[in-house]
PDB file of N, CA and C in Angstrom:
ATOM      1  N   MET A   1     -23.822  -6.961  13.917  1.00  0.00           N
ATOM      2  CA  MET A   1     -24.232  -5.655  13.412  1.00  0.00           C
ATOM      3  C   MET A   1     -23.455  -5.289  12.184  1.00  0.00           C
ATOM      4  N   PHE A   2     -24.094  -4.826  11.174  1.00  0.00           N
ATOM      5  CA  PHE A   2     -23.413  -4.448   9.923  1.00  0.00           C
ATOM      6  C   PHE A   2     -22.701  -3.123  10.066  1.00  0.00           C
ATOM      7  N   GLU A   3     -21.430  -3.075   9.765  1.00  0.00           N
ATOM      8  CA  GLU A   3     -20.619  -1.859   9.852  1.00  0.00           C
ATOM      9  C   GLU A   3     -20.536  -1.180   8.546  1.00  0.00           C
ATOM     10  N   THR A   4     -21.244  -0.089   8.375  1.00  0.00           N
ATOM     11  CA  THR A   4     -21.296   0.633   7.090  1.00  0.00           C
ATOM     12  C   THR A   4     -20.047   1.455   6.806  1.00  0.00           C
ATOM     13  N   SER A   5     -19.233   1.720   7.839  1.00  0.00           N
ATOM     14  CA  SER A   5     -18.014   2.517   7.593  1.00  0.00           C
ATOM     15  C   SER A   5     -16.910   1.742   6.939  1.00  0.00           C
ATOM     16  N   ARG A   6     -17.016   0.400   6.917  1.00  0.00           N
ATOM     17  CA  ARG A   6     -15.997  -0.411   6.290  1.00  0.00           C
ATOM     18  C   ARG A   6     -16.214  -0.438   4.779  1.00  0.00           C
ATOM     19  N   GLN A   7     -15.215  -0.116   4.027  1.00  0.00           N
ATOM     20  CA  GLN A   7     -15.304  -0.164   2.605  1.00  0.00           C
ATOM     21  C   GLN A   7     -14.692  -1.456   2.111  1.00  0.00           C
ATOM     22  N   GLN A   8     -15.190  -1.894   0.995  1.00  0.00           N
ATOM     23  CA  GLN A   8     -14.611  -3.079   0.359  1.00  0.00           C
ATOM     24  C   GLN A   8     -13.165  -2.780  -0.072  1.00  0.00           C
ATOM     25  N   THR A   9     -12.287  -3.713   0.183  1.00  0.00           N
ATOM     26  CA  THR A   9     -10.896  -3.537  -0.159  1.00  0.00           C
ATOM     27  C   THR A   9     -10.718  -3.243  -1.676  1.00  0.00           C
ATOM     28  N   LYS A  10     -11.425  -3.996  -2.499  1.00  0.00           N
ATOM     29  CA  LYS A  10     -11.307  -3.821  -3.936  1.00  0.00           C
ATOM     30  C   LYS A  10     -11.706  -2.400  -4.362  1.00  0.00           C
ATOM     31  N   LEU A  11     -12.690  -1.831  -3.730  1.00  0.00           N
ATOM     32  CA  LEU A  11     -13.119  -0.475  -4.083  1.00  0.00           C
ATOM     33  C   LEU A  11     -12.061   0.547  -3.688  1.00  0.00           C
ATOM     34  N   ILE A  12     -11.406   0.331  -2.552  1.00  0.00           N
ATOM     35  CA  ILE A  12     -10.345   1.223  -2.109  1.00  0.00           C
ATOM     36  C   ILE A  12      -9.183   1.179  -3.111  1.00  0.00           C
ATOM     37  N   ILE A  13      -8.797  -0.028  -3.520  1.00  0.00           N
ATOM     38  CA  ILE A  13      -7.684  -0.200  -4.470  1.00  0.00           C
ATOM     39  C   ILE A  13      -8.079   0.427  -5.804  1.00  0.00           C
ATOM     40  N   ASP A  14      -9.274   0.105  -6.300  1.00  0.00           N
ATOM     41  CA  ASP A  14      -9.691   0.622  -7.622  1.00  0.00           C
ATOM     42  C   ASP A  14      -9.752   2.113  -7.628  1.00  0.00           C
ATOM     43  N   GLY A  15     -10.238   2.725  -6.561  1.00  0.00           N
ATOM     44  CA  GLY A  15     -10.335   4.175  -6.484  1.00  0.00           C
ATOM     45  C   GLY A  15      -8.971   4.860  -6.552  1.00  0.00           C
ATOM     46  N   LEU A  16      -8.021   4.334  -5.786  1.00  0.00           N
ATOM     47  CA  LEU A  16      -6.669   4.915  -5.803  1.00  0.00           C
ATOM     48  C   LEU A  16      -5.976   4.700  -7.168  1.00  0.00           C
ATOM     49  N   LEU A  17      -6.111   3.515  -7.714  1.00  0.00           N
ATOM     50  CA  LEU A  17      -5.456   3.248  -9.004  1.00  0.00           C
ATOM     51  C   LEU A  17      -6.071   4.052 -10.123  1.00  0.00           C
ATOM     52  N   HIS A  18      -7.357   4.332 -10.055  1.00  0.00           N
ATOM     53  CA  HIS A  18      -7.963   5.213 -11.044  1.00  0.00           C
ATOM     54  C   HIS A  18      -7.343   6.611 -10.940  1.00  0.00           C
ATOM     55  N   ARG A  19      -7.157   7.134  -9.769  1.00  0.00           N
ATOM     56  CA  ARG A  19      -6.553   8.424  -9.607  1.00  0.00           C
ATOM     57  C   ARG A  19      -5.087   8.401 -10.104  1.00  0.00           C
ATOM     58  N   CYS A  20      -4.409   7.288  -9.847  1.00  0.00           N
ATOM     59  CA  CYS A  20      -3.035   7.157 -10.377  1.00  0.00           C
ATOM     60  C   CYS A  20      -2.986   7.186 -11.896  1.00  0.00           C
ATOM     61  N   ASN A  21      -3.951   6.480 -12.488  1.00  0.00           N
ATOM     62  CA  ASN A  21      -3.982   6.508 -13.964  1.00  0.00           C
ATOM     63  C   ASN A  21      -4.184   7.891 -14.533  1.00  0.00           C
ATOM     64  N   LEU A  22      -5.098   8.657 -13.900  1.00  0.00           N
ATOM     65  CA  LEU A  22      -5.367  10.020 -14.344  1.00  0.00           C
ATOM     66  C   LEU A  22      -4.159  10.920 -14.178  1.00  0.00           C
ATOM     67  N   ALA A  23      -3.400  10.685 -13.103  1.00  0.00           N
ATOM     68  CA  ALA A  23      -2.227  11.549 -12.801  1.00  0.00           C
ATOM     69  C   ALA A  23      -0.946  11.043 -13.443  1.00  0.00           C
ATOM     70  N   GLY A  24      -0.977   9.870 -14.075  1.00  0.00           N
ATOM     71  CA  GLY A  24       0.205   9.327 -14.693  1.00  0.00           C
ATOM     72  C   GLY A  24       1.233   8.753 -13.711  1.00  0.00           C
ATOM     73  N   VAL A  25       0.744   8.287 -12.537  1.00  0.00           N
ATOM     74  CA  VAL A  25       1.621   7.741 -11.549  1.00  0.00           C
ATOM     75  C   VAL A  25       1.770   6.242 -11.784  1.00  0.00           C
ATOM     76  N   PRO A  26       3.000   5.770 -11.977  1.00  0.00           N
ATOM     77  CA  PRO A  26       3.202   4.340 -12.262  1.00  0.00           C
ATOM     78  C   PRO A  26       2.972   3.463 -11.019  1.00  0.00           C
ATOM     79  N   TYR A  27       2.351   2.344 -11.231  1.00  0.00           N
ATOM     80  CA  TYR A  27       2.119   1.381 -10.166  1.00  0.00           C
ATOM     81  C   TYR A  27       2.139  -0.026 -10.730  1.00  0.00           C
ATOM     82  N   TYR A  28       2.262  -1.019  -9.867  1.00  0.00           N
ATOM     83  CA  TYR A  28       2.242  -2.380 -10.260  1.00  0.00           C
ATOM     84  C   TYR A  28       1.495  -3.182  -9.175  1.00  0.00           C
ATOM     85  N   ILE A  29       0.563  -3.989  -9.547  1.00  0.00           N
ATOM     86  CA  ILE A  29      -0.145  -4.799  -8.546  1.00  0.00           C
ATOM     87  C   ILE A  29       0.674  -6.117  -8.386  1.00  0.00           C
ATOM     88  N   VAL A  30       1.316  -6.255  -7.268  1.00  0.00           N
ATOM     89  CA  VAL A  30       2.170  -7.409  -6.962  1.00  0.00           C
ATOM     90  C   VAL A  30       1.339  -8.616  -6.632  1.00  0.00           C
ATOM     91  N   ASN A  31       0.253  -8.414  -5.863  1.00  0.00           N
ATOM     92  CA  ASN A  31      -0.637  -9.509  -5.476  1.00  0.00           C
ATOM     93  C   ASN A  31      -2.054  -8.997  -5.400  1.00  0.00           C
ATOM     94  N   THR A  32      -2.950  -9.742  -6.015  1.00  0.00           N
ATOM     95  CA  THR A  32      -4.367  -9.394  -5.995  1.00  0.00           C
ATOM     96  C   THR A  32      -5.026 -10.195  -4.882  1.00  0.00           C
ATOM     97  N   GLY A  33      -5.563  -9.457  -3.935  1.00  0.00           N
ATOM     98  CA  GLY A  33      -6.214 -10.137  -2.780  1.00  0.00           C
ATOM     99  C   GLY A  33      -7.716 -10.301  -2.982  1.00  0.00           C
ATOM    100  N   GLY A  34      -8.384 -10.504  -1.896  1.00  0.00           N
ATOM    101  CA  GLY A  34      -9.838 -10.657  -1.925  1.00  0.00           C
ATOM    102  C   GLY A  34     -10.537  -9.305  -2.070  1.00  0.00           C
ATOM    103  N   HIS A  35     -11.850  -9.355  -2.162  1.00  0.00           N
ATOM    104  CA  HIS A  35     -12.642  -8.157  -2.403  1.00  0.00           C
ATOM    105  C   HIS A  35     -13.036  -7.417  -1.165  1.00  0.00           C
ATOM    106  N   ASP A  36     -13.101  -8.066  -0.034  1.00  0.00           N
ATOM    107  CA  ASP A  36     -13.629  -7.416   1.154  1.00  0.00           C
ATOM    108  C   ASP A  36     -12.849  -7.816   2.403  1.00  0.00           C
ATOM    109  N   GLY A  37     -12.513  -6.819   3.195  1.00  0.00           N
ATOM    110  CA  GLY A  37     -11.892  -7.091   4.512  1.00  0.00           C
ATOM    111  C   GLY A  37     -10.481  -7.609   4.432  1.00  0.00           C
ATOM    112  N   CYS A  38      -9.784  -7.380   3.365  1.00  0.00           N
ATOM    113  CA  CYS A  38      -8.405  -7.888   3.195  1.00  0.00           C
ATOM    114  C   CYS A  38      -7.393  -6.793   3.525  1.00  0.00           C
ATOM    115  N   ALA A  39      -6.247  -7.239   3.943  1.00  0.00           N
ATOM    116  CA  ALA A  39      -5.183  -6.282   4.293  1.00  0.00           C
ATOM    117  C   ALA A  39      -4.496  -5.785   3.004  1.00  0.00           C
ATOM    118  N   ILE A  40      -3.866  -4.620   3.102  1.00  0.00           N
ATOM    119  CA  ILE A  40      -3.185  -4.011   1.971  1.00  0.00           C
ATOM    120  C   ILE A  40      -1.749  -3.670   2.422  1.00  0.00           C
ATOM    121  N   LEU A  41      -0.766  -4.074   1.590  1.00  0.00           N
ATOM    122  CA  LEU A  41       0.601  -3.582   1.738  1.00  0.00           C
ATOM    123  C   LEU A  41       0.874  -2.651   0.589  1.00  0.00           C
ATOM    124  N   CYS A  42       1.551  -1.550   0.849  1.00  0.00           N
ATOM    125  CA  CYS A  42       1.895  -0.570  -0.136  1.00  0.00           C
ATOM    126  C   CYS A  42       3.373  -0.359  -0.162  1.00  0.00           C
ATOM    127  N   LYS A  43       4.020  -0.741  -1.258  1.00  0.00           N
ATOM    128  CA  LYS A  43       5.453  -0.574  -1.416  1.00  0.00           C
ATOM    129  C   LYS A  43       5.698   0.681  -2.232  1.00  0.00           C
ATOM    130  N   VAL A  44       6.558   1.563  -1.726  1.00  0.00           N
ATOM    131  CA  VAL A  44       6.952   2.766  -2.447  1.00  0.00           C
ATOM    132  C   VAL A  44       8.423   2.688  -2.742  1.00  0.00           C
ATOM    133  N   TYR A  45       8.760   2.663  -4.023  1.00  0.00           N
ATOM    134  CA  TYR A  45      10.161   2.628  -4.468  1.00  0.00           C
ATOM    135  C   TYR A  45      10.539   3.963  -4.968  1.00  0.00           C
ATOM    136  N   VAL A  46      11.726   4.432  -4.513  1.00  0.00           N
ATOM    137  CA  VAL A  46      12.319   5.695  -5.015  1.00  0.00           C
ATOM    138  C   VAL A  46      13.687   5.316  -5.586  1.00  0.00           C
ATOM    139  N   ALA A  47      13.838   5.593  -6.913  1.00  0.00           N
ATOM    140  CA  ALA A  47      15.063   5.184  -7.592  1.00  0.00           C
ATOM    141  C   ALA A  47      16.309   5.718  -6.864  1.00  0.00           C
ATOM    142  N   GLY A  48      17.264   4.823  -6.643  1.00  0.00           N
ATOM    143  CA  GLY A  48      18.515   5.186  -6.018  1.00  0.00           C
ATOM    144  C   GLY A  48      18.472   5.372  -4.512  1.00  0.00           C
ATOM    145  N   GLN A  49      17.260   5.259  -3.923  1.00  0.00           N
ATOM    146  CA  GLN A  49      17.115   5.480  -2.500  1.00  0.00           C
ATOM    147  C   GLN A  49      16.592   4.272  -1.734  1.00  0.00           C
ATOM    148  N   GLY A  50      15.990   3.307  -2.446  1.00  0.00           N
ATOM    149  CA  GLY A  50      15.437   2.130  -1.781  1.00  0.00           C
ATOM    150  C   GLY A  50      13.920   2.078  -1.785  1.00  0.00           C
ATOM    151  N   ALA A  51      13.367   1.412  -0.819  1.00  0.00           N
ATOM    152  CA  ALA A  51      11.911   1.237  -0.799  1.00  0.00           C
ATOM    153  C   ALA A  51      11.442   1.292   0.652  1.00  0.00           C
ATOM    154  N   CYS A  52      10.206   1.754   0.793  1.00  0.00           N
ATOM    155  CA  CYS A  52       9.482   1.738   2.090  1.00  0.00           C
ATOM    156  C   CYS A  52       8.233   0.844   1.874  1.00  0.00           C
ATOM    157  N   LEU A  53       7.822   0.266   2.994  1.00  0.00           N
ATOM    158  CA  LEU A  53       6.642  -0.581   2.932  1.00  0.00           C
ATOM    159  C   LEU A  53       5.678  -0.071   3.985  1.00  0.00           C
ATOM    160  N   TYR A  54       4.398   0.082   3.585  1.00  0.00           N
ATOM    161  CA  TYR A  54       3.389   0.579   4.496  1.00  0.00           C
ATOM    162  C   TYR A  54       2.322  -0.499   4.626  1.00  0.00           C
ATOM    163  N   GLY A  55       1.861  -0.709   5.826  1.00  0.00           N
ATOM    164  CA  GLY A  55       0.802  -1.640   6.132  1.00  0.00           C
ATOM    165  C   GLY A  55      -0.299  -0.998   6.914  1.00  0.00           C
ATOM    166  N   GLN A  56      -1.304  -1.774   7.272  1.00  0.00           N
ATOM    167  CA  GLN A  56      -2.456  -1.240   8.012  1.00  0.00           C
ATOM    168  C   GLN A  56      -2.585  -1.986   9.326  1.00  0.00           C
ATOM    169  N   MET A  57      -3.085  -1.261  10.297  1.00  0.00           N
ATOM    170  CA  MET A  57      -3.475  -1.881  11.575  1.00  0.00           C
ATOM    171  C   MET A  57      -4.586  -1.023  12.184  1.00  0.00           C
ATOM    172  N   ARG A  58      -5.341  -1.637  13.085  1.00  0.00           N
ATOM    173  CA  ARG A  58      -6.396  -0.874  13.712  1.00  0.00           C
ATOM    174  C   ARG A  58      -5.858  -0.261  15.007  1.00  0.00           C
ATOM    175  N   ASP A  59      -6.288   0.989  15.274  1.00  0.00           N
ATOM    176  CA  ASP A  59      -5.891   1.650  16.510  1.00  0.00           C
ATOM    177  C   ASP A  59      -6.831   1.247  17.634  1.00  0.00           C
ATOM    178  N   MET A  60      -6.700   1.868  18.787  1.00  0.00           N
ATOM    179  CA  MET A  60      -7.494   1.510  19.968  1.00  0.00           C
ATOM    180  C   MET A  60      -8.978   1.762  19.778  1.00  0.00           C
ATOM    181  N   GLU A  61      -9.337   2.666  18.815  1.00  0.00           N
ATOM    182  CA  GLU A  61     -10.753   2.927  18.544  1.00  0.00           C
ATOM    183  C   GLU A  61     -11.259   2.076  17.405  1.00  0.00           C
ATOM    184  N   GLY A  62     -10.451   1.191  16.845  1.00  0.00           N
ATOM    185  CA  GLY A  62     -10.911   0.322  15.761  1.00  0.00           C
ATOM    186  C   GLY A  62     -10.757   0.890  14.380  1.00  0.00           C
ATOM    187  N   GLU A  63     -10.147   2.084  14.288  1.00  0.00           N
ATOM    188  CA  GLU A  63      -9.960   2.727  12.983  1.00  0.00           C
ATOM    189  C   GLU A  63      -8.685   2.203  12.309  1.00  0.00           C
ATOM    190  N   LEU A  64      -8.778   1.985  10.985  1.00  0.00           N
ATOM    191  CA  LEU A  64      -7.544   1.548  10.258  1.00  0.00           C
ATOM    192  C   LEU A  64      -6.592   2.680  10.126  1.00  0.00           C
ATOM    193  N   LYS A  65      -5.381   2.431  10.443  1.00  0.00           N
ATOM    194  CA  LYS A  65      -4.291   3.461  10.322  1.00  0.00           C
ATOM    195  C   LYS A  65      -3.129   2.821   9.543  1.00  0.00           C
ATOM    196  N   TRP A  66      -2.383   3.636   8.844  1.00  0.00           N
ATOM    197  CA  TRP A  66      -1.217   3.192   8.093  1.00  0.00           C
ATOM    198  C   TRP A  66       0.018   3.353   8.920  1.00  0.00           C
ATOM    199  N   TYR A  67       0.965   2.440   8.831  1.00  0.00           N
ATOM    200  CA  TYR A  67       2.220   2.495   9.514  1.00  0.00           C
ATOM    201  C   TYR A  67       3.333   2.016   8.588  1.00  0.00           C
ATOM    202  N   GLN A  68       4.590   2.440   8.883  1.00  0.00           N
ATOM    203  CA  GLN A  68       5.724   1.956   8.109  1.00  0.00           C
ATOM    204  C   GLN A  68       6.177   0.624   8.701  1.00  0.00           C
ATOM    205  N   VAL A  69       6.257  -0.408   7.898  1.00  0.00           N
ATOM    206  CA  VAL A  69       6.627  -1.724   8.381  1.00  0.00           C
ATOM    207  C   VAL A  69       8.041  -1.739   8.907  1.00  0.00           C
ATOM    208  N   PHE A  70       8.935  -1.033   8.279  1.00  0.00           N
ATOM    209  CA  PHE A  70      10.350  -1.015   8.672  1.00  0.00           C
ATOM    210  C   PHE A  70      10.712   0.284   9.344  1.00  0.00           C
ATOM    211  N   ASP A  71       9.929   0.698  10.351  1.00  0.00           N
ATOM    212  CA  ASP A  71      10.172   1.951  11.062  1.00  0.00           C
ATOM    213  C   ASP A  71      10.179   3.132  10.065  1.00  0.00           C
ATOM    214  N   ASP A  72      11.133   4.056  10.185  1.00  0.00           N
ATOM    215  CA  ASP A  72      11.095   5.245   9.326  1.00  0.00           C
ATOM    216  C   ASP A  72      12.196   5.246   8.271  1.00  0.00           C
ATOM    217  N   ALA A  73      12.927   4.161   8.144  1.00  0.00           N
ATOM    218  CA  ALA A  73      14.081   4.156   7.243  1.00  0.00           C
ATOM    219  C   ALA A  73      13.802   3.321   5.991  1.00  0.00           C
ATOM    220  N   PRO A  74      14.140   3.845   4.810  1.00  0.00           N
ATOM    221  CA  PRO A  74      14.033   3.038   3.586  1.00  0.00           C
ATOM    222  C   PRO A  74      14.956   1.842   3.639  1.00  0.00           C
ATOM    223  N   LYS A  75      14.574   0.806   2.984  1.00  0.00           N
ATOM    224  CA  LYS A  75      15.406  -0.437   2.926  1.00  0.00           C
ATOM    225  C   LYS A  75      15.793  -0.756   1.516  1.00  0.00           C
ATOM    226  N   MET A  76      16.688  -1.710   1.339  1.00  0.00           N
ATOM    227  CA  MET A  76      16.982  -2.191   0.028  1.00  0.00           C
ATOM    228  C   MET A  76      15.740  -2.866  -0.550  1.00  0.00           C
ATOM    229  N   GLU A  77      15.509  -2.644  -1.844  1.00  0.00           N
ATOM    230  CA  GLU A  77      14.302  -3.158  -2.443  1.00  0.00           C
ATOM    231  C   GLU A  77      14.199  -4.664  -2.287  1.00  0.00           C
ATOM    232  N   SER A  78      15.303  -5.387  -2.394  1.00  0.00           N
ATOM    233  CA  SER A  78      15.254  -6.819  -2.251  1.00  0.00           C
ATOM    234  C   SER A  78      14.793  -7.290  -0.867  1.00  0.00           C
ATOM    235  N   GLU A  79      15.157  -6.523   0.163  1.00  0.00           N
ATOM    236  CA  GLU A  79      14.711  -6.833   1.503  1.00  0.00           C
ATOM    237  C   GLU A  79      13.175  -6.662   1.649  1.00  0.00           C
ATOM    238  N   VAL A  80      12.667  -5.589   1.052  1.00  0.00           N
ATOM    239  CA  VAL A  80      11.249  -5.311   1.075  1.00  0.00           C
ATOM    240  C   VAL A  80      10.488  -6.377   0.291  1.00  0.00           C
ATOM    241  N   ASP A  81      11.020  -6.749  -0.888  1.00  0.00           N
ATOM    242  CA  ASP A  81      10.404  -7.774  -1.720  1.00  0.00           C
ATOM    243  C   ASP A  81      10.348  -9.125  -1.015  1.00  0.00           C
ATOM    244  N   GLN A  82      11.395  -9.472  -0.255  1.00  0.00           N
ATOM    245  CA  GLN A  82      11.393 -10.739   0.484  1.00  0.00           C
ATOM    246  C   GLN A  82      10.334 -10.734   1.580  1.00  0.00           C
ATOM    247  N   TYR A  83      10.215  -9.597   2.260  1.00  0.00           N
ATOM    248  CA  TYR A  83       9.176  -9.457   3.307  1.00  0.00           C
ATOM    249  C   TYR A  83       7.820  -9.648   2.692  1.00  0.00           C
ATOM    250  N   ILE A  84       7.558  -8.984   1.538  1.00  0.00           N
ATOM    251  CA  ILE A  84       6.293  -9.106   0.854  1.00  0.00           C
ATOM    252  C   ILE A  84       5.991 -10.583   0.500  1.00  0.00           C
ATOM    253  N   GLN A  85       6.935 -11.262  -0.063  1.00  0.00           N
ATOM    254  CA  GLN A  85       6.715 -12.653  -0.476  1.00  0.00           C
ATOM    255  C   GLN A  85       6.391 -13.534   0.762  1.00  0.00           C
ATOM    256  N   ASN A  86       7.052 -13.260   1.889  1.00  0.00           N
ATOM    257  CA  ASN A  86       6.765 -14.006   3.115  1.00  0.00           C
ATOM    258  C   ASN A  86       5.326 -13.741   3.567  1.00  0.00           C
ATOM    259  N   GLU A  87       4.928 -12.498   3.511  1.00  0.00           N
ATOM    260  CA  GLU A  87       3.502 -12.150   3.920  1.00  0.00           C
ATOM    261  C   GLU A  87       2.485 -12.786   2.974  1.00  0.00           C
ATOM    262  N   ILE A  88       2.746 -12.807   1.700  1.00  0.00           N
ATOM    263  CA  ILE A  88       1.831 -13.446   0.734  1.00  0.00           C
ATOM    264  C   ILE A  88       1.737 -14.918   1.000  1.00  0.00           C
ATOM    265  N   SER A  89       2.845 -15.560   1.407  1.00  0.00           N
ATOM    266  CA  SER A  89       2.802 -16.995   1.669  1.00  0.00           C
ATOM    267  C   SER A  89       1.906 -17.347   2.868  1.00  0.00           C
ATOM    268  N   PHE A  90       1.763 -16.361   3.789  1.00  0.00           N
ATOM    269  CA  PHE A  90       0.879 -16.550   4.928  1.00  0.00           C
ATOM    270  C   PHE A  90      -0.547 -16.106   4.653  1.00  0.00           C
ATOM    271  N   ASP A  91      -0.754 -15.167   3.732  1.00  0.00           N
ATOM    272  CA  ASP A  91      -2.073 -14.599   3.480  1.00  0.00           C
ATOM    273  C   ASP A  91      -2.228 -14.343   1.987  1.00  0.00           C
ATOM    274  N   ALA A  92      -2.831 -15.330   1.329  1.00  0.00           N
ATOM    275  CA  ALA A  92      -3.021 -15.216  -0.156  1.00  0.00           C
ATOM    276  C   ALA A  92      -4.001 -14.105  -0.530  1.00  0.00           C
ATOM    277  N   ASP A  93      -4.869 -13.691   0.410  1.00  0.00           N
ATOM    278  CA  ASP A  93      -5.822 -12.585   0.155  1.00  0.00           C
ATOM    279  C   ASP A  93      -5.237 -11.206   0.379  1.00  0.00           C
ATOM    280  N   LEU A  94      -3.962 -11.119   0.622  1.00  0.00           N
ATOM    281  CA  LEU A  94      -3.281  -9.842   0.839  1.00  0.00           C
ATOM    282  C   LEU A  94      -3.150  -9.093  -0.472  1.00  0.00           C
ATOM    283  N   TRP A  95      -3.525  -7.816  -0.449  1.00  0.00           N
ATOM    284  CA  TRP A  95      -3.296  -6.941  -1.605  1.00  0.00           C
ATOM    285  C   TRP A  95      -1.902  -6.325  -1.443  1.00  0.00           C
ATOM    286  N   VAL A  96      -1.116  -6.318  -2.510  1.00  0.00           N
ATOM    287  CA  VAL A  96       0.165  -5.639  -2.503  1.00  0.00           C
ATOM    288  C   VAL A  96       0.278  -4.799  -3.771  1.00  0.00           C
ATOM    289  N   VAL A  97       0.453  -3.477  -3.554  1.00  0.00           N
ATOM    290  CA  VAL A  97       0.570  -2.558  -4.702  1.00  0.00           C
ATOM    291  C   VAL A  97       1.889  -1.803  -4.548  1.00  0.00           C
ATOM    292  N   GLU A  98       2.607  -1.772  -5.636  1.00  0.00           N
ATOM    293  CA  GLU A  98       3.932  -1.094  -5.652  1.00  0.00           C
ATOM    294  C   GLU A  98       3.813   0.177  -6.489  1.00  0.00           C
ATOM    295  N   PHE A  99       4.402   1.255  -5.972  1.00  0.00           N
ATOM    296  CA  PHE A  99       4.434   2.559  -6.639  1.00  0.00           C
ATOM    297  C   PHE A  99       5.862   3.000  -6.829  1.00  0.00           C
ATOM    298  N   GLU A 100       6.146   3.615  -7.969  1.00  0.00           N
ATOM    299  CA  GLU A 100       7.476   4.228  -8.181  1.00  0.00           C
ATOM    300  C   GLU A 100       7.239   5.721  -8.138  1.00  0.00           C
ATOM    301  N   LEU A 101       7.757   6.369  -7.072  1.00  0.00           N
ATOM    302  CA  LEU A 101       7.579   7.769  -6.821  1.00  0.00           C
ATOM    303  C   LEU A 101       8.900   8.478  -6.680  1.00  0.00           C
ATOM    304  N   THR A 102       8.826   9.773  -6.439  1.00  0.00           N
ATOM    305  CA  THR A 102      10.039  10.576  -6.216  1.00  0.00           C
ATOM    306  C   THR A 102      10.225  10.859  -4.741  1.00  0.00           C
ATOM    307  N   SER A 103       9.308  10.414  -3.901  1.00  0.00           N
ATOM    308  CA  SER A 103       9.367  10.659  -2.469  1.00  0.00           C
ATOM    309  C   SER A 103       8.652   9.478  -1.769  1.00  0.00           C
ATOM    310  N   PHE A 104       9.011   9.232  -0.542  1.00  0.00           N
ATOM    311  CA  PHE A 104       8.444   8.126   0.227  1.00  0.00           C
ATOM    312  C   PHE A 104       7.110   8.500   0.831  1.00  0.00           C
ATOM    313  N   LEU A 105       6.127   8.813   0.037  1.00  0.00           N
ATOM    314  CA  LEU A 105       4.776   9.119   0.508  1.00  0.00           C
ATOM    315  C   LEU A 105       3.914   7.894   0.286  1.00  0.00           C
ATOM    316  N   ASN A 106       3.055   7.616   1.261  1.00  0.00           N
ATOM    317  CA  ASN A 106       2.111   6.519   1.136  1.00  0.00           C
ATOM    318  C   ASN A 106       0.890   6.988   0.316  1.00  0.00           C
ATOM    319  N   PRO A 107       0.723   6.515  -0.906  1.00  0.00           N
ATOM    320  CA  PRO A 107      -0.413   6.959  -1.747  1.00  0.00           C
ATOM    321  C   PRO A 107      -1.761   6.684  -1.103  1.00  0.00           C
ATOM    322  N   PHE A 108      -1.899   5.716  -0.250  1.00  0.00           N
ATOM    323  CA  PHE A 108      -3.164   5.450   0.381  1.00  0.00           C
ATOM    324  C   PHE A 108      -3.520   6.385   1.500  1.00  0.00           C
ATOM    325  N   ASP A 109      -2.482   7.110   1.947  1.00  0.00           N
ATOM    326  CA  ASP A 109      -2.637   7.950   3.145  1.00  0.00           C
ATOM    327  C   ASP A 109      -2.256   9.414   2.862  1.00  0.00           C
ATOM    328  N   ASN A 110      -2.024   9.767   1.573  1.00  0.00           N
ATOM    329  CA  ASN A 110      -1.477  11.071   1.281  1.00  0.00           C
ATOM    330  C   ASN A 110      -1.785  11.448  -0.179  1.00  0.00           C
ATOM    331  N   ASP A 111      -2.474  12.502  -0.391  1.00  0.00           N
ATOM    332  CA  ASP A 111      -2.789  12.963  -1.748  1.00  0.00           C
ATOM    333  C   ASP A 111      -1.651  13.725  -2.441  1.00  0.00           C
ATOM    334  N   ASP A 112      -0.588  14.095  -1.694  1.00  0.00           N
ATOM    335  CA  ASP A 112       0.527  14.864  -2.287  1.00  0.00           C
ATOM    336  C   ASP A 112       1.243  14.104  -3.364  1.00  0.00           C
ATOM    337  N   PHE A 113       1.225  12.788  -3.331  1.00  0.00           N
ATOM    338  CA  PHE A 113       1.975  12.023  -4.353  1.00  0.00           C
ATOM    339  C   PHE A 113       1.369  12.273  -5.765  1.00  0.00           C
ATOM    340  N   LEU A 114       0.145  12.653  -5.854  1.00  0.00           N
ATOM    341  CA  LEU A 114      -0.452  12.918  -7.189  1.00  0.00           C
ATOM    342  C   LEU A 114       0.085  14.204  -7.824  1.00  0.00           C
ATOM    343  N   ASN A 115       0.683  15.068  -7.022  1.00  0.00           N
ATOM    344  CA  ASN A 115       1.195  16.338  -7.509  1.00  0.00           C
ATOM    345  C   ASN A 115       2.638  16.311  -7.881  1.00  0.00           C
ATOM    346  N   MET A 116       3.300  15.193  -7.735  1.00  0.00           N
ATOM    347  CA  MET A 116       4.713  15.081  -7.999  1.00  0.00           C
ATOM    348  C   MET A 116       4.979  15.017  -9.501  1.00  0.00           C
ATOM    349  N   ALA A 117       6.088  15.631  -9.897  1.00  0.00           N
ATOM    350  CA  ALA A 117       6.496  15.596 -11.298  1.00  0.00           C
ATOM    351  C   ALA A 117       7.233  14.328 -11.579  1.00  0.00           C
TER     352      ALA A 117
END
């Protein structure tokens, strides 16, 4: 059965990055994945505080939810980067997008990051 609620990964990425461009939010595409049904990792770097990494998983109802890969604590950026490289080595279709923000908000799961100065 065709699931119409699933969006193409590329469209999700393009939509968010378009909003980032309009709001002047800096980002960097670390790894370009496939167009449909691919996982996304979102790295948020805050200068002087470290980085958080957000990933996706399906809940019991099959809905995609975001979670922090390293619990609730920011990590050293090098530790997050090493984790990302390991994940890319296992899944070349993985999308990885890095954002430099002033707070550890997940841009894919929170519109408040667009309002930051």
